[in-house]
């Protein structure tokens, strides 16, 4: 193995160069995070829609049950 002058940076250990990160990416706010947020918002909207549909489907049966008890 070839030695380097800096013990923290041994030459020949692989790895290559690091990508230069933008300021937003350094703050963990890169384009990948925006896509994650959009996906999460889509999943939440779909879940809310399903829950509302279930609630609306349950309302007529509850109203019919209340009418039978009167």
Protein backbone atom coordinates (compact mmCIF):
# COMPACT_ATOMS: atom_id res chain seq x y z
CA UNK A 1 0.00 0.00 0.00
CA UNK A 2 1.21 3.47 -0.83
CA UNK A 3 1.45 5.77 2.15
CA UNK A 4 0.40 9.39 2.07
CA UNK A 5 1.70 12.28 4.12
CA UNK A 6 -1.60 12.56 5.98
CA UNK A 7 -2.52 9.57 8.14
CA UNK A 8 -6.20 10.49 7.88
CA UNK A 9 -6.07 10.28 4.08
CA UNK A 10 -4.38 7.02 3.07
CA UNK A 11 -3.83 6.77 -0.67
CA UNK A 12 -5.14 3.67 -2.39
CA UNK A 13 -8.02 3.02 -0.02
CA UNK A 14 -10.68 3.59 -2.65
CA UNK A 15 -13.61 5.91 -2.25
CA UNK A 16 -12.84 8.46 -4.94
CA UNK A 17 -13.97 12.05 -4.85
CA UNK A 18 -17.01 13.26 -3.00
CA UNK A 19 -19.72 15.05 -4.92
CA UNK A 20 -19.80 18.78 -4.32
CA UNK A 21 -23.01 19.41 -2.40
CA UNK A 22 -25.04 22.55 -2.78
CA UNK A 23 -25.86 24.56 0.30
CA UNK A 24 -29.41 23.17 0.36
CA UNK A 25 -28.13 19.59 0.06
CA UNK A 26 -25.65 20.16 2.90
CA UNK A 27 -28.65 21.17 5.03
CA UNK A 28 -30.41 17.93 4.04
CA UNK A 29 -32.86 19.84 1.87
CA UNK A 30 -31.91 18.61 -1.58
CA UNK A 31 -34.11 17.54 -4.48
CA UNK A 32 -34.35 14.00 -3.09
CA UNK A 33 -35.99 15.38 0.06
CA UNK A 34 -38.50 17.36 -1.99
CA UNK A 35 -39.48 14.17 -3.82
CA UNK A 36 -39.85 12.34 -0.50
CA UNK A 37 -42.09 15.10 0.83
CA UNK A 38 -44.25 15.02 -2.32
CA UNK A 39 -44.60 11.24 -2.08
CA UNK A 40 -45.56 11.47 1.58
CA UNK A 41 -48.14 14.16 0.82
CA UNK A 42 -49.63 11.98 -1.93
CA UNK A 43 -49.88 8.97 0.39
CA UNK A 44 -51.50 11.10 3.09
CA UNK A 45 -54.05 12.54 0.66
CA UNK A 46 -54.93 9.04 -0.53
CA UNK A 47 -55.35 7.82 3.05
CA UNK A 48 -57.57 10.78 3.97
CA UNK A 49 -59.71 10.17 0.88
CA UNK A 50 -60.17 6.50 1.81
CA UNK A 51 -61.06 7.39 5.40
CA UNK A 52 -63.66 9.92 4.23
CA UNK A 53 -65.20 7.37 1.89
CA UNK A 54 -65.45 4.87 4.74
CA UNK A 55 -67.01 7.47 7.01
CA UNK A 56 -69.59 8.42 4.38
CA UNK A 57 -70.40 4.77 3.74
CA UNK A 58 -70.92 4.18 7.48
CA UNK A 59 -73.23 7.18 7.99
CA UNK A 60 -76.37 5.79 6.29
CA UNK A 61 -76.19 2.52 8.25
CA UNK A 62 -75.87 4.41 11.53
CA UNK A 63 -78.83 6.65 10.65
CA UNK A 64 -80.93 3.55 9.76
CA UNK A 65 -79.98 1.88 13.05
CA UNK A 66 -81.00 4.99 14.99
CA UNK A 67 -84.38 5.10 13.18
CA UNK A 68 -85.05 1.44 14.02
CA UNK A 69 -84.48 2.05 17.73
CA UNK A 70 -87.02 4.91 17.91
